[in-house]
Amino acid sequence: MTAMVVLDSRPNMLDYLLISEQDVDTLRNSSSRLAVGTELTRFEMLKLALMSSENRAASALARNYPRGYD
């Protein structure tokens, strides 16, 4: 669902997004290969969210959605 919402907004897929403290799952303390401070393009974040179920990448995509997080 995250991928469809992001793609429907037609963002610039070459924009760089930053993994921030907001993307860390403090509720379940899940692990991630993406460290805070990692910068990747929106395209790379989308690939990680889809192919690796990378929750921090999905969170960064949601935070940078043009219509807001909610």
PDB file of N, CA and C in Angstrom:
ATOM      1  N   MET A   1       0.823  -1.192   0.000  1.00  0.00           N
ATOM      2  CA  MET A   1       0.000   0.000   0.000  1.00  0.00           C
ATOM      3  C   MET A   1       0.870   1.259   0.000  1.00  0.00           C
ATOM      4  N   THR A   2       1.938   1.238   0.779  1.00  0.00           N
ATOM      5  CA  THR A   2       2.841   2.391   0.820  1.00  0.00           C
ATOM      6  C   THR A   2       3.357   2.711  -0.572  1.00  0.00           C
ATOM      7  N   ALA A   3       3.753   1.690  -1.309  1.00  0.00           N
ATOM      8  CA  ALA A   3       4.293   1.893  -2.658  1.00  0.00           C
ATOM      9  C   ALA A   3       3.260   2.527  -3.572  1.00  0.00           C
ATOM     10  N   MET A   4       2.036   2.054  -3.523  1.00  0.00           N
ATOM     11  CA  MET A   4       0.990   2.588  -4.390  1.00  0.00           C
ATOM     12  C   MET A   4       0.697   4.051  -4.073  1.00  0.00           C
ATOM     13  N   VAL A   5       0.633   4.391  -2.800  1.00  0.00           N
ATOM     14  CA  VAL A   5       0.363   5.773  -2.397  1.00  0.00           C
ATOM     15  C   VAL A   5       1.499   6.683  -2.855  1.00  0.00           C
ATOM     16  N   VAL A   6       2.744   6.242  -2.650  1.00  0.00           N
ATOM     17  CA  VAL A   6       3.897   7.043  -3.071  1.00  0.00           C
ATOM     18  C   VAL A   6       3.877   7.233  -4.585  1.00  0.00           C
ATOM     19  N   LEU A   7       3.704   6.163  -5.337  1.00  0.00           N
ATOM     20  CA  LEU A   7       3.739   6.252  -6.800  1.00  0.00           C
ATOM     21  C   LEU A   7       2.583   7.077  -7.355  1.00  0.00           C
ATOM     22  N   ASP A   8       1.418   6.995  -6.744  1.00  0.00           N
ATOM     23  CA  ASP A   8       0.270   7.784  -7.206  1.00  0.00           C
ATOM     24  C   ASP A   8       0.497   9.283  -7.062  1.00  0.00           C
ATOM     25  N   SER A   9       1.367   9.687  -6.142  1.00  0.00           N
ATOM     26  CA  SER A   9       1.643  11.113  -5.951  1.00  0.00           C
ATOM     27  C   SER A   9       2.652  11.649  -6.973  1.00  0.00           C
ATOM     28  N   ARG A  10       3.217  10.761  -7.765  1.00  0.00           N
ATOM     29  CA  ARG A  10       4.180  11.113  -8.830  1.00  0.00           C
ATOM     30  C   ARG A  10       5.336  11.993  -8.326  1.00  0.00           C
ATOM     31  N   PRO A  11       6.041  11.530  -7.302  1.00  0.00           N
ATOM     32  CA  PRO A  11       7.149  12.334  -6.768  1.00  0.00           C
ATOM     33  C   PRO A  11       8.387  12.199  -7.653  1.00  0.00           C
ATOM     34  N   ASN A  12       9.350  13.060  -7.417  1.00  0.00           N
ATOM     35  CA  ASN A  12      10.642  12.926  -8.073  1.00  0.00           C
ATOM     36  C   ASN A  12      11.357  11.758  -7.401  1.00  0.00           C
ATOM     37  N   MET A  13      11.551  10.677  -8.131  1.00  0.00           N
ATOM     38  CA  MET A  13      12.141   9.464  -7.564  1.00  0.00           C
ATOM     39  C   MET A  13      13.639   9.608  -7.311  1.00  0.00           C
ATOM     40  N   LEU A  14      14.234  10.696  -7.788  1.00  0.00           N
ATOM     41  CA  LEU A  14      15.667  10.911  -7.576  1.00  0.00           C
ATOM     42  C   LEU A  14      15.967  11.824  -6.396  1.00  0.00           C
ATOM     43  N   ASP A  15      14.913  12.337  -5.739  1.00  0.00           N
ATOM     44  CA  ASP A  15      15.116  13.131  -4.524  1.00  0.00           C
ATOM     45  C   ASP A  15      15.708  12.235  -3.446  1.00  0.00           C
ATOM     46  N   TYR A  16      16.604  12.813  -2.649  1.00  0.00           N
ATOM     47  CA  TYR A  16      17.206  12.072  -1.545  1.00  0.00           C
ATOM     48  C   TYR A  16      16.361  12.221  -0.293  1.00  0.00           C
ATOM     49  N   LEU A  17      16.170  11.107   0.397  1.00  0.00           N
ATOM     50  CA  LEU A  17      15.450  11.072   1.665  1.00  0.00           C
ATOM     51  C   LEU A  17      16.418  10.610   2.749  1.00  0.00           C
ATOM     52  N   LEU A  18      16.209  11.093   3.942  1.00  0.00           N
ATOM     53  CA  LEU A  18      17.082  10.804   5.073  1.00  0.00           C
ATOM     54  C   LEU A  18      16.354   9.926   6.084  1.00  0.00           C
ATOM     55  N   ILE A  19      17.023   8.892   6.553  1.00  0.00           N
ATOM     56  CA  ILE A  19      16.501   8.089   7.654  1.00  0.00           C
ATOM     57  C   ILE A  19      16.767   8.866   8.935  1.00  0.00           C
ATOM     58  N   SER A  20      15.709   9.186   9.664  1.00  0.00           N
ATOM     59  CA  SER A  20      15.863   9.977  10.890  1.00  0.00           C
ATOM     60  C   SER A  20      15.420   9.172  12.106  1.00  0.00           C
ATOM     61  N   GLU A  21      15.574   9.772  13.262  1.00  0.00           N
ATOM     62  CA  GLU A  21      15.139   9.139  14.515  1.00  0.00           C
ATOM     63  C   GLU A  21      13.642   8.824  14.481  1.00  0.00           C
ATOM     64  N   GLN A  22      12.876   9.612  13.730  1.00  0.00           N
ATOM     65  CA  GLN A  22      11.432   9.392  13.625  1.00  0.00           C
ATOM     66  C   GLN A  22      11.109   8.057  12.961  1.00  0.00           C
ATOM     67  N   ASP A  23      12.043   7.519  12.194  1.00  0.00           N
ATOM     68  CA  ASP A  23      11.816   6.280  11.460  1.00  0.00           C
ATOM     69  C   ASP A  23      12.163   5.030  12.272  1.00  0.00           C
ATOM     70  N   VAL A  24      12.713   5.215  13.453  1.00  0.00           N
ATOM     71  CA  VAL A  24      13.088   4.089  14.313  1.00  0.00           C
ATOM     72  C   VAL A  24      11.855   3.583  15.048  1.00  0.00           C
ATOM     73  N   ASP A  25      11.644   2.284  14.994  1.00  0.00           N
ATOM     74  CA  ASP A  25      10.508   1.640  15.669  1.00  0.00           C
ATOM     75  C   ASP A  25      10.851   1.442  17.144  1.00  0.00           C
ATOM     76  N   THR A  26      10.338   2.334  17.982  1.00  0.00           N
ATOM     77  CA  THR A  26      10.617   2.231  19.413  1.00  0.00           C
ATOM     78  C   THR A  26       9.565   1.380  20.123  1.00  0.00           C
ATOM     79  N   LEU A  27       8.450   1.111  19.456  1.00  0.00           N
ATOM     80  CA  LEU A  27       7.389   0.310  20.069  1.00  0.00           C
ATOM     81  C   LEU A  27       7.775  -1.167  20.131  1.00  0.00           C
ATOM     82  N   ARG A  28       8.245  -1.702  19.008  1.00  0.00           N
ATOM     83  CA  ARG A  28       8.611  -3.128  18.960  1.00  0.00           C
ATOM     84  C   ARG A  28      10.116  -3.348  18.955  1.00  0.00           C
ATOM     85  N   ASN A  29      10.895  -2.266  18.881  1.00  0.00           N
ATOM     86  CA  ASN A  29      12.360  -2.352  18.827  1.00  0.00           C
ATOM     87  C   ASN A  29      12.834  -3.278  17.712  1.00  0.00           C
ATOM     88  N   SER A  30      12.196  -3.199  16.562  1.00  0.00           N
ATOM     89  CA  SER A  30      12.603  -4.040  15.435  1.00  0.00           C
ATOM     90  C   SER A  30      13.948  -3.582  14.889  1.00  0.00           C
ATOM     91  N   SER A  31      14.676  -4.496  14.315  1.00  0.00           N
ATOM     92  CA  SER A  31      15.997  -4.167  13.780  1.00  0.00           C
ATOM     93  C   SER A  31      15.866  -3.656  12.350  1.00  0.00           C
ATOM     94  N   SER A  32      16.945  -3.051  11.868  1.00  0.00           N
ATOM     95  CA  SER A  32      16.969  -2.514  10.517  1.00  0.00           C
ATOM     96  C   SER A  32      18.405  -2.470  10.029  1.00  0.00           C
ATOM     97  N   ARG A  33      18.567  -2.596   8.733  1.00  0.00           N
ATOM     98  CA  ARG A  33      19.893  -2.445   8.127  1.00  0.00           C
ATOM     99  C   ARG A  33      20.203  -0.982   7.828  1.00  0.00           C
ATOM    100  N   LEU A  34      19.189  -0.127   7.920  1.00  0.00           N
ATOM    101  CA  LEU A  34      19.379   1.296   7.621  1.00  0.00           C
ATOM    102  C   LEU A  34      19.622   2.068   8.911  1.00  0.00           C
ATOM    103  N   ALA A  35      20.798   2.619   9.025  1.00  0.00           N
ATOM    104  CA  ALA A  35      21.146   3.405  10.207  1.00  0.00           C
ATOM    105  C   ALA A  35      20.561   4.810  10.089  1.00  0.00           C
ATOM    106  N   VAL A  36      20.294   5.426  11.237  1.00  0.00           N
ATOM    107  CA  VAL A  36      19.873   6.822  11.251  1.00  0.00           C
ATOM    108  C   VAL A  36      20.977   7.642  10.589  1.00  0.00           C
ATOM    109  N   GLY A  37      20.580   8.511   9.676  1.00  0.00           N
ATOM    110  CA  GLY A  37      21.546   9.331   8.939  1.00  0.00           C
ATOM    111  C   GLY A  37      21.785   8.835   7.529  1.00  0.00           C
ATOM    112  N   THR A  38      21.271   7.654   7.197  1.00  0.00           N
ATOM    113  CA  THR A  38      21.418   7.116   5.849  1.00  0.00           C
ATOM    114  C   THR A  38      20.603   7.955   4.871  1.00  0.00           C
ATOM    115  N   GLU A  39      21.214   8.317   3.749  1.00  0.00           N
ATOM    116  CA  GLU A  39      20.527   9.062   2.697  1.00  0.00           C
ATOM    117  C   GLU A  39      20.476   8.212   1.443  1.00  0.00           C
ATOM    118  N   LEU A  40      19.276   8.009   0.928  1.00  0.00           N
ATOM    119  CA  LEU A  40      19.072   7.254  -0.305  1.00  0.00           C
ATOM    120  C   LEU A  40      18.023   7.966  -1.138  1.00  0.00           C
ATOM    121  N   THR A  41      17.990   7.667  -2.433  1.00  0.00           N
ATOM    122  CA  THR A  41      16.948   8.261  -3.268  1.00  0.00           C
ATOM    123  C   THR A  41      15.600   7.648  -2.920  1.00  0.00           C
ATOM    124  N   ARG A  42      14.550   8.350  -3.277  1.00  0.00           N
ATOM    125  CA  ARG A  42      13.201   7.833  -3.054  1.00  0.00           C
ATOM    126  C   ARG A  42      13.036   6.480  -3.750  1.00  0.00           C
ATOM    127  N   PHE A  43      13.603   6.329  -4.941  1.00  0.00           N
ATOM    128  CA  PHE A  43      13.545   5.071  -5.680  1.00  0.00           C
ATOM    129  C   PHE A  43      14.199   3.941  -4.885  1.00  0.00           C
ATOM    130  N   GLU A  44      15.376   4.199  -4.321  1.00  0.00           N
ATOM    131  CA  GLU A  44      16.078   3.178  -3.534  1.00  0.00           C
ATOM    132  C   GLU A  44      15.297   2.828  -2.267  1.00  0.00           C
ATOM    133  N   MET A  45      14.705   3.846  -1.629  1.00  0.00           N
ATOM    134  CA  MET A  45      13.893   3.590  -0.431  1.00  0.00           C
ATOM    135  C   MET A  45      12.688   2.713  -0.780  1.00  0.00           C
ATOM    136  N   LEU A  46      12.077   2.997  -1.911  1.00  0.00           N
ATOM    137  CA  LEU A  46      10.922   2.224  -2.343  1.00  0.00           C
ATOM    138  C   LEU A  46      11.309   0.770  -2.613  1.00  0.00           C
ATOM    139  N   LYS A  47      12.436   0.576  -3.282  1.00  0.00           N
ATOM    140  CA  LYS A  47      12.907  -0.789  -3.532  1.00  0.00           C
ATOM    141  C   LYS A  47      13.158  -1.536  -2.231  1.00  0.00           C
ATOM    142  N   LEU A  48      13.788  -0.874  -1.266  1.00  0.00           N
ATOM    143  CA  LEU A  48      14.060  -1.528   0.027  1.00  0.00           C
ATOM    144  C   LEU A  48      12.771  -1.843   0.775  1.00  0.00           C
ATOM    145  N   ALA A  49      11.827  -0.927   0.720  1.00  0.00           N
ATOM    146  CA  ALA A  49      10.557  -1.170   1.403  1.00  0.00           C
ATOM    147  C   ALA A  49       9.835  -2.363   0.785  1.00  0.00           C
ATOM    148  N   LEU A  50       9.904  -2.490  -0.531  1.00  0.00           N
ATOM    149  CA  LEU A  50       9.199  -3.572  -1.215  1.00  0.00           C
ATOM    150  C   LEU A  50       9.943  -4.903  -1.165  1.00  0.00           C
ATOM    151  N   MET A  51      11.214  -4.880  -1.448  1.00  0.00           N
ATOM    152  CA  MET A  51      11.968  -6.127  -1.604  1.00  0.00           C
ATOM    153  C   MET A  51      12.489  -6.681  -0.284  1.00  0.00           C
ATOM    154  N   SER A  52      12.768  -5.813   0.653  1.00  0.00           N
ATOM    155  CA  SER A  52      13.361  -6.261   1.918  1.00  0.00           C
ATOM    156  C   SER A  52      12.449  -6.023   3.114  1.00  0.00           C
ATOM    157  N   SER A  53      11.238  -5.553   2.857  1.00  0.00           N
ATOM    158  CA  SER A  53      10.311  -5.209   3.945  1.00  0.00           C
ATOM    159  C   SER A  53      10.981  -4.292   4.961  1.00  0.00           C
ATOM    160  N   GLU A  54      11.702  -3.321   4.452  1.00  0.00           N
ATOM    161  CA  GLU A  54      12.467  -2.406   5.296  1.00  0.00           C
ATOM    162  C   GLU A  54      11.544  -1.310   5.832  1.00  0.00           C
ATOM    163  N   ASN A  55      11.184  -1.429   7.111  1.00  0.00           N
ATOM    164  CA  ASN A  55      10.220  -0.509   7.705  1.00  0.00           C
ATOM    165  C   ASN A  55      10.736   0.916   7.837  1.00  0.00           C
ATOM    166  N   ARG A  56      12.017   1.102   8.068  1.00  0.00           N
ATOM    167  CA  ARG A  56      12.548   2.470   8.156  1.00  0.00           C
ATOM    168  C   ARG A  56      12.437   3.177   6.805  1.00  0.00           C
ATOM    169  N   ALA A  57      12.641   2.438   5.728  1.00  0.00           N
ATOM    170  CA  ALA A  57      12.497   3.028   4.397  1.00  0.00           C
ATOM    171  C   ALA A  57      11.042   3.418   4.158  1.00  0.00           C
ATOM    172  N   ALA A  58      10.111   2.545   4.537  1.00  0.00           N
ATOM    173  CA  ALA A  58       8.688   2.852   4.379  1.00  0.00           C
ATOM    174  C   ALA A  58       8.303   4.065   5.219  1.00  0.00           C
ATOM    175  N   SER A  59       8.846   4.164   6.410  1.00  0.00           N
ATOM    176  CA  SER A  59       8.564   5.305   7.276  1.00  0.00           C
ATOM    177  C   SER A  59       9.102   6.601   6.670  1.00  0.00           C
ATOM    178  N   ALA A  60      10.306   6.568   6.115  1.00  0.00           N
ATOM    179  CA  ALA A  60      10.876   7.761   5.474  1.00  0.00           C
ATOM    180  C   ALA A  60      10.037   8.177   4.272  1.00  0.00           C
ATOM    181  N   LEU A  61       9.557   7.207   3.516  1.00  0.00           N
ATOM    182  CA  LEU A  61       8.682   7.517   2.382  1.00  0.00           C
ATOM    183  C   LEU A  61       7.401   8.188   2.872  1.00  0.00           C
ATOM    184  N   ALA A  62       6.822   7.680   3.935  1.00  0.00           N
ATOM    185  CA  ALA A  62       5.591   8.255   4.483  1.00  0.00           C
ATOM    186  C   ALA A  62       5.831   9.666   5.005  1.00  0.00           C
ATOM    187  N   ARG A  63       6.954   9.881   5.690  1.00  0.00           N
ATOM    188  CA  ARG A  63       7.265  11.215   6.229  1.00  0.00           C
ATOM    189  C   ARG A  63       7.427  12.246   5.127  1.00  0.00           C
ATOM    190  N   ASN A  64       7.885  11.810   3.962  1.00  0.00           N
ATOM    191  CA  ASN A  64       8.149  12.717   2.854  1.00  0.00           C
ATOM    192  C   ASN A  64       7.038  12.731   1.812  1.00  0.00           C
ATOM    193  N   TYR A  65       5.894  12.196   2.167  1.00  0.00           N
ATOM    194  CA  TYR A  65       4.746  12.197   1.271  1.00  0.00           C
ATOM    195  C   TYR A  65       4.232  13.634   1.154  1.00  0.00           C
ATOM    196  N   PRO A  66       3.960  14.110  -0.070  1.00  0.00           N
ATOM    197  CA  PRO A  66       3.595  15.518  -0.251  1.00  0.00           C
ATOM    198  C   PRO A  66       2.335  15.970   0.507  1.00  0.00           C
ATOM    199  N   ARG A  67       1.428  15.083   0.797  1.00  0.00           N
ATOM    200  CA  ARG A  67       0.193  15.474   1.485  1.00  0.00           C
ATOM    201  C   ARG A  67       0.268  15.218   2.984  1.00  0.00           C
ATOM    202  N   GLY A  68       1.437  14.873   3.482  1.00  0.00           N
ATOM    203  CA  GLY A  68       1.610  14.678   4.909  1.00  0.00           C
ATOM    204  C   GLY A  68       1.562  13.231   5.340  1.00  0.00           C
ATOM    205  N   TYR A  69       2.004  12.980   6.528  1.00  0.00           N
ATOM    206  CA  TYR A  69       2.127  11.614   7.063  1.00  0.00           C
ATOM    207  C   TYR A  69       0.793  10.927   7.246  1.00  0.00           C
ATOM    208  N   ASP A  70      -0.185  11.620   7.780  1.00  0.00           N
ATOM    209  CA  ASP A  70      -1.485  10.995   8.056  1.00  0.00           C
ATOM    210  C   ASP A  70      -2.150  10.535   6.774  1.00  0.00           C
TER     211      ASP A  70
END
